[in-house]
Amino acid sequence: MAESAAIQPMRRHRGLSVWPGVLWLLIAASLYAAPPPVEPTEFEAASRLLVQQPAGVLAFSLRADGTRLLAAFEDGTVTVHDLHTRTALRSFAAHHGAASAAAVSGDGLRWVTGGYDHRLKVWGPAGVIEREVSGHTGRVTDIALSPGGTSLASCGYDGTVRIWDVA
């Protein structure tokens, strides 16, 4: 007996709604079709490479005056870069495991980093740890400093957001 010519119902496949056979057509087309070349936009053409190292960059923060950048790396190191000279001013081992979060105070005198070691570290201008706090039971994923640099908010894989007094 011949199949009906009616449209078959859609099926769910890993979050996609497709008709039978269409998914395979889409996969085959994506394997063989090269994307057309894209000209960089004016904005993209104006970008400059600042940091390149084997460990991936997981987080960064800019100083409010735009002169410094704090970058946190997968290997646990943190570097402070001068944006005018495009050089690293200092680099230091910050965390056991990855350094996954970074923030700079409004005045640029304090830096805060968070890591896979569940810790937050507050760094002074000389690159010396002023304070180390713990309380997260999972990786620290993001941090933010108040404009005055006296309060710190952090969140992590433990599902919590915490507020810290770092004055």
Foldseek 3Di string as FASTA:
>chain_A
DDDDPDQDAWDDDPNDTHGPPVVVVVVVCVVPDDDDDDDDDPVVVPDDDQDDDPFDWQEKEAAQVRQWMWTWTQCQKIFIAGPVVSGTPDMDRHDHGTFHEKYAANVRQWIWIWFQVQKIFIAGNVRDTPDIDHDDPGGWHYKYADNHRQKMWTDGPSGDIDIDGRD
